[in-house]
Amino acid sequence: MRYFWTFFWVFVLVQMLSYVVSSMTEGGVFNFQSGAIVSVGIFILIVIATAVLPNDPVEKH
């Protein structure tokens, strides 16, 4: 379930960012497909990062 919510929020936020950036550029057009592709890529990076990074606390020497 956490993967679903992670993908949901990544998808929503990337689509919002894509819309805002395309609106700010001269003659920019909102492209849903490119935002969807970027959101899948970011989701994969987040899943890989959480698998690689350790979750244990660091001991002080």
PDB file of N, CA and C in Angstrom:
ATOM      1  N   MET A   1       0.818  -1.197   0.000  1.00  0.00           N
ATOM      2  CA  MET A   1       0.000   0.000   0.000  1.00  0.00           C
ATOM      3  C   MET A   1       0.866   1.267   0.000  1.00  0.00           C
ATOM      4  N   ARG A   2       2.052   1.174   0.634  1.00  0.00           N
ATOM      5  CA  ARG A   2       2.912   2.354   0.651  1.00  0.00           C
ATOM      6  C   ARG A   2       3.427   2.685  -0.741  1.00  0.00           C
ATOM      7  N   TYR A   3       3.605   1.679  -1.592  1.00  0.00           N
ATOM      8  CA  TYR A   3       4.044   1.953  -2.956  1.00  0.00           C
ATOM      9  C   TYR A   3       2.950   2.655  -3.754  1.00  0.00           C
ATOM     10  N   PHE A   4       1.717   2.273  -3.502  1.00  0.00           N
ATOM     11  CA  PHE A   4       0.605   2.933  -4.179  1.00  0.00           C
ATOM     12  C   PHE A   4       0.553   4.410  -3.820  1.00  0.00           C
ATOM     13  N   TRP A   5       0.615   4.715  -2.522  1.00  0.00           N
ATOM     14  CA  TRP A   5       0.534   6.115  -2.099  1.00  0.00           C
ATOM     15  C   TRP A   5       1.758   6.903  -2.528  1.00  0.00           C
ATOM     16  N   THR A   6       2.915   6.257  -2.530  1.00  0.00           N
ATOM     17  CA  THR A   6       4.113   6.940  -3.010  1.00  0.00           C
ATOM     18  C   THR A   6       3.954   7.296  -4.480  1.00  0.00           C
ATOM     19  N   PHE A   7       3.495   6.341  -5.285  1.00  0.00           N
ATOM     20  CA  PHE A   7       3.302   6.626  -6.709  1.00  0.00           C
ATOM     21  C   PHE A   7       2.219   7.670  -6.918  1.00  0.00           C
ATOM     22  N   PHE A   8       1.149   7.599  -6.144  1.00  0.00           N
ATOM     23  CA  PHE A   8       0.059   8.562  -6.271  1.00  0.00           C
ATOM     24  C   PHE A   8       0.561   9.988  -6.054  1.00  0.00           C
ATOM     25  N   TRP A   9       1.293  10.201  -4.960  1.00  0.00           N
ATOM     26  CA  TRP A   9       1.759  11.552  -4.653  1.00  0.00           C
ATOM     27  C   TRP A   9       2.844  12.010  -5.610  1.00  0.00           C
ATOM     28  N   VAL A  10       3.717  11.127  -6.030  1.00  0.00           N
ATOM     29  CA  VAL A  10       4.727  11.500  -7.017  1.00  0.00           C
ATOM     30  C   VAL A  10       4.043  11.897  -8.314  1.00  0.00           C
ATOM     31  N   PHE A  11       3.054  11.121  -8.730  1.00  0.00           N
ATOM     32  CA  PHE A  11       2.336  11.402  -9.967  1.00  0.00           C
ATOM     33  C   PHE A  11       1.629  12.753  -9.901  1.00  0.00           C
ATOM     34  N   VAL A  12       0.936  13.002  -8.808  1.00  0.00           N
ATOM     35  CA  VAL A  12       0.195  14.262  -8.666  1.00  0.00           C
ATOM     36  C   VAL A  12       1.154  15.461  -8.640  1.00  0.00           C
ATOM     37  N   LEU A  13       2.223  15.353  -7.863  1.00  0.00           N
ATOM     38  CA  LEU A  13       3.144  16.477  -7.739  1.00  0.00           C
ATOM     39  C   LEU A  13       3.919  16.744  -9.024  1.00  0.00           C
ATOM     40  N   VAL A  14       4.300  15.704  -9.749  1.00  0.00           N
ATOM     41  CA  VAL A  14       5.010  15.905 -11.010  1.00  0.00           C
ATOM     42  C   VAL A  14       4.073  16.490 -12.062  1.00  0.00           C
ATOM     43  N   GLN A  15       2.835  16.057 -12.097  1.00  0.00           N
ATOM     44  CA  GLN A  15       1.872  16.633 -13.037  1.00  0.00           C
ATOM     45  C   GLN A  15       1.648  18.112 -12.731  1.00  0.00           C
ATOM     46  N   MET A  16       1.549  18.441 -11.442  1.00  0.00           N
ATOM     47  CA  MET A  16       1.368  19.833 -11.054  1.00  0.00           C
ATOM     48  C   MET A  16       2.586  20.664 -11.451  1.00  0.00           C
ATOM     49  N   LEU A  17       3.772  20.139 -11.191  1.00  0.00           N
ATOM     50  CA  LEU A  17       5.004  20.837 -11.569  1.00  0.00           C
ATOM     51  C   LEU A  17       5.100  21.006 -13.081  1.00  0.00           C
ATOM     52  N   SER A  18       4.742  19.987 -13.821  1.00  0.00           N
ATOM     53  CA  SER A  18       4.769  20.055 -15.273  1.00  0.00           C
ATOM     54  C   SER A  18       3.800  21.119 -15.791  1.00  0.00           C
ATOM     55  N   TYR A  19       2.634  21.190 -15.192  1.00  0.00           N
ATOM     56  CA  TYR A  19       1.641  22.196 -15.605  1.00  0.00           C
ATOM     57  C   TYR A  19       2.127  23.609 -15.322  1.00  0.00           C
ATOM     58  N   VAL A  20       2.680  23.817 -14.131  1.00  0.00           N
ATOM     59  CA  VAL A  20       3.142  25.146 -13.752  1.00  0.00           C
ATOM     60  C   VAL A  20       4.310  25.590 -14.624  1.00  0.00           C
ATOM     61  N   VAL A  21       5.265  24.695 -14.848  1.00  0.00           N
ATOM     62  CA  VAL A  21       6.424  25.057 -15.669  1.00  0.00           C
ATOM     63  C   VAL A  21       6.007  25.331 -17.110  1.00  0.00           C
ATOM     64  N   SER A  22       5.092  24.521 -17.649  1.00  0.00           N
ATOM     65  CA  SER A  22       4.658  24.768 -19.033  1.00  0.00           C
ATOM     66  C   SER A  22       3.848  26.053 -19.134  1.00  0.00           C
ATOM     67  N   SER A  23       3.154  26.431 -18.078  1.00  0.00           N
ATOM     68  CA  SER A  23       2.399  27.680 -18.105  1.00  0.00           C
ATOM     69  C   SER A  23       3.317  28.898 -18.018  1.00  0.00           C
ATOM     70  N   MET A  24       4.458  28.741 -17.367  1.00  0.00           N
ATOM     71  CA  MET A  24       5.361  29.868 -17.199  1.00  0.00           C
ATOM     72  C   MET A  24       6.236  30.122 -18.423  1.00  0.00           C
ATOM     73  N   THR A  25       6.390  29.126 -19.281  1.00  0.00           N
ATOM     74  CA  THR A  25       7.222  29.315 -20.468  1.00  0.00           C
ATOM     75  C   THR A  25       6.392  29.942 -21.575  1.00  0.00           C
ATOM     76  N   GLU A  26       7.082  30.652 -22.469  1.00  0.00           N
ATOM     77  CA  GLU A  26       6.400  31.298 -23.586  1.00  0.00           C
ATOM     78  C   GLU A  26       5.906  30.248 -24.577  1.00  0.00           C
ATOM     79  N   GLY A  27       4.635  30.192 -24.812  1.00  0.00           N
ATOM     80  CA  GLY A  27       4.074  29.266 -25.779  1.00  0.00           C
ATOM     81  C   GLY A  27       4.136  27.821 -25.333  1.00  0.00           C
ATOM     82  N   GLY A  28       4.355  27.585 -24.054  1.00  0.00           N
ATOM     83  CA  GLY A  28       4.447  26.223 -23.542  1.00  0.00           C
ATOM     84  C   GLY A  28       3.088  25.551 -23.507  1.00  0.00           C
ATOM     85  N   VAL A  29       3.081  24.278 -23.765  1.00  0.00           N
ATOM     86  CA  VAL A  29       1.849  23.505 -23.765  1.00  0.00           C
ATOM     87  C   VAL A  29       1.990  22.385 -22.737  1.00  0.00           C
ATOM     88  N   PHE A  30       0.941  22.169 -21.960  1.00  0.00           N
ATOM     89  CA  PHE A  30       0.954  21.100 -20.966  1.00  0.00           C
ATOM     90  C   PHE A  30       0.875  19.751 -21.678  1.00  0.00           C
ATOM     91  N   ASN A  31       1.820  18.857 -21.351  1.00  0.00           N
ATOM     92  CA  ASN A  31       1.861  17.538 -21.954  1.00  0.00           C
ATOM     93  C   ASN A  31       1.728  16.496 -20.836  1.00  0.00           C
ATOM     94  N   PHE A  32       0.580  15.849 -20.772  1.00  0.00           N
ATOM     95  CA  PHE A  32       0.309  14.874 -19.726  1.00  0.00           C
ATOM     96  C   PHE A  32       1.244  13.676 -19.816  1.00  0.00           C
ATOM     97  N   GLN A  33       1.538  13.234 -21.012  1.00  0.00           N
ATOM     98  CA  GLN A  33       2.351  12.031 -21.215  1.00  0.00           C
ATOM     99  C   GLN A  33       3.777  12.214 -20.696  1.00  0.00           C
ATOM    100  N   SER A  34       4.375  13.346 -20.953  1.00  0.00           N
ATOM    101  CA  SER A  34       5.740  13.559 -20.465  1.00  0.00           C
ATOM    102  C   SER A  34       5.780  13.626 -18.947  1.00  0.00           C
ATOM    103  N   GLY A  35       4.770  14.215 -18.333  1.00  0.00           N
ATOM    104  CA  GLY A  35       4.692  14.238 -16.877  1.00  0.00           C
ATOM    105  C   GLY A  35       4.515  12.851 -16.293  1.00  0.00           C
ATOM    106  N   ALA A  36       3.748  12.010 -16.964  1.00  0.00           N
ATOM    107  CA  ALA A  36       3.548  10.641 -16.499  1.00  0.00           C
ATOM    108  C   ALA A  36       4.839   9.832 -16.592  1.00  0.00           C
ATOM    109  N   ILE A  37       5.588  10.022 -17.661  1.00  0.00           N
ATOM    110  CA  ILE A  37       6.854   9.298 -17.830  1.00  0.00           C
ATOM    111  C   ILE A  37       7.863   9.734 -16.770  1.00  0.00           C
ATOM    112  N   VAL A  38       7.948  11.027 -16.521  1.00  0.00           N
ATOM    113  CA  VAL A  38       8.868  11.536 -15.499  1.00  0.00           C
ATOM    114  C   VAL A  38       8.473  11.037 -14.118  1.00  0.00           C
ATOM    115  N   SER A  39       7.176  10.982 -13.831  1.00  0.00           N
ATOM    116  CA  SER A  39       6.731  10.522 -12.515  1.00  0.00           C
ATOM    117  C   SER A  39       7.058   9.045 -12.295  1.00  0.00           C
ATOM    118  N   VAL A  40       6.991   8.228 -13.329  1.00  0.00           N
ATOM    119  CA  VAL A  40       7.379   6.820 -13.198  1.00  0.00           C
ATOM    120  C   VAL A  40       8.874   6.716 -12.913  1.00  0.00           C
ATOM    121  N   GLY A  41       9.664   7.520 -13.593  1.00  0.00           N
ATOM    122  CA  GLY A  41      11.107   7.512 -13.362  1.00  0.00           C
ATOM    123  C   GLY A  41      11.469   7.950 -11.949  1.00  0.00           C
ATOM    124  N   ILE A  42      10.834   8.992 -11.462  1.00  0.00           N
ATOM    125  CA  ILE A  42      11.097   9.461 -10.100  1.00  0.00           C
ATOM    126  C   ILE A  42      10.641   8.426  -9.083  1.00  0.00           C
ATOM    127  N   PHE A  43       9.518   7.767  -9.334  1.00  0.00           N
ATOM    128  CA  PHE A  43       9.041   6.716  -8.432  1.00  0.00           C
ATOM    129  C   PHE A  43      10.057   5.581  -8.340  1.00  0.00           C
ATOM    130  N   ILE A  44      10.609   5.178  -9.464  1.00  0.00           N
ATOM    131  CA  ILE A  44      11.614   4.102  -9.462  1.00  0.00           C
ATOM    132  C   ILE A  44      12.851   4.540  -8.691  1.00  0.00           C
ATOM    133  N   LEU A  45      13.283   5.788  -8.869  1.00  0.00           N
ATOM    134  CA  LEU A  45      14.437   6.293  -8.115  1.00  0.00           C
ATOM    135  C   LEU A  45      14.177   6.310  -6.611  1.00  0.00           C
ATOM    136  N   ILE A  46      12.968   6.677  -6.207  1.00  0.00           N
ATOM    137  CA  ILE A  46      12.623   6.694  -4.783  1.00  0.00           C
ATOM    138  C   ILE A  46      12.628   5.283  -4.216  1.00  0.00           C
ATOM    139  N   VAL A  47      12.081   4.321  -4.941  1.00  0.00           N
ATOM    140  CA  VAL A  47      12.053   2.931  -4.466  1.00  0.00           C
ATOM    141  C   VAL A  47      13.471   2.385  -4.340  1.00  0.00           C
ATOM    142  N   ILE A  48      14.326   2.680  -5.316  1.00  0.00           N
ATOM    143  CA  ILE A  48      15.716   2.214  -5.255  1.00  0.00           C
ATOM    144  C   ILE A  48      16.449   2.880  -4.089  1.00  0.00           C
ATOM    145  N   ALA A  49      16.234   4.177  -3.897  1.00  0.00           N
ATOM    146  CA  ALA A  49      16.916   4.896  -2.818  1.00  0.00           C
ATOM    147  C   ALA A  49      16.515   4.357  -1.447  1.00  0.00           C
ATOM    148  N   THR A  50      15.250   4.030  -1.257  1.00  0.00           N
ATOM    149  CA  THR A  50      14.823   3.501   0.041  1.00  0.00           C
ATOM    150  C   THR A  50      15.336   2.085   0.262  1.00  0.00           C
ATOM    151  N   ALA A  51      15.583   1.346  -0.803  1.00  0.00           N
ATOM    152  CA  ALA A  51      16.118  -0.007  -0.647  1.00  0.00           C
ATOM    153  C   ALA A  51      17.614   0.017  -0.350  1.00  0.00           C
ATOM    154  N   VAL A  52      18.329   1.005  -0.879  1.00  0.00           N
ATOM    155  CA  VAL A  52      19.778   1.064  -0.725  1.00  0.00           C
ATOM    156  C   VAL A  52      20.193   1.733   0.586  1.00  0.00           C
ATOM    157  N   LEU A  53      19.515   2.794   0.975  1.00  0.00           N
ATOM    158  CA  LEU A  53      19.903   3.527   2.173  1.00  0.00           C
ATOM    159  C   LEU A  53      19.608   2.731   3.424  1.00  0.00           C
ATOM    160  N   PRO A  54      20.535   2.722   4.385  1.00  0.00           N
ATOM    161  CA  PRO A  54      20.309   1.975   5.620  1.00  0.00           C
ATOM    162  C   PRO A  54      19.267   2.676   6.506  1.00  0.00           C
ATOM    163  N   ASN A  55      18.549   1.873   7.264  1.00  0.00           N
ATOM    164  CA  ASN A  55      17.510   2.388   8.143  1.00  0.00           C
ATOM    165  C   ASN A  55      17.936   2.357   9.609  1.00  0.00           C
ATOM    166  N   ASP A  56      19.104   1.801   9.881  1.00  0.00           N
ATOM    167  CA  ASP A  56      19.596   1.677  11.253  1.00  0.00           C
ATOM    168  C   ASP A  56      20.194   3.002  11.718  1.00  0.00           C
ATOM    169  N   PRO A  57      20.092   3.281  13.021  1.00  0.00           N
ATOM    170  CA  PRO A  57      20.720   4.517  13.519  1.00  0.00           C
ATOM    171  C   PRO A  57      22.246   4.400  13.495  1.00  0.00           C
ATOM    172  N   VAL A  58      22.900   5.521  13.348  1.00  0.00           N
ATOM    173  CA  VAL A  58      24.354   5.565  13.286  1.00  0.00           C
ATOM    174  C   VAL A  58      24.905   5.657  14.707  1.00  0.00           C
ATOM    175  N   GLU A  59      25.872   4.811  15.003  1.00  0.00           N
ATOM    176  CA  GLU A  59      26.483   4.828  16.336  1.00  0.00           C
ATOM    177  C   GLU A  59      27.614   5.841  16.358  1.00  0.00           C
ATOM    178  N   LYS A  60      27.706   6.599  17.451  1.00  0.00           N
ATOM    179  CA  LYS A  60      28.796   7.557  17.614  1.00  0.00           C
ATOM    180  C   LYS A  60      29.964   6.858  18.287  1.00  0.00           C
ATOM    181  N   HIS A  61      31.164   7.146  17.819  1.00  0.00           N
ATOM    182  CA  HIS A  61      32.364   6.510  18.386  1.00  0.00           C
ATOM    183  C   HIS A  61      33.024   7.429  19.364  1.00  0.00           C
TER     184      HIS A  61
END
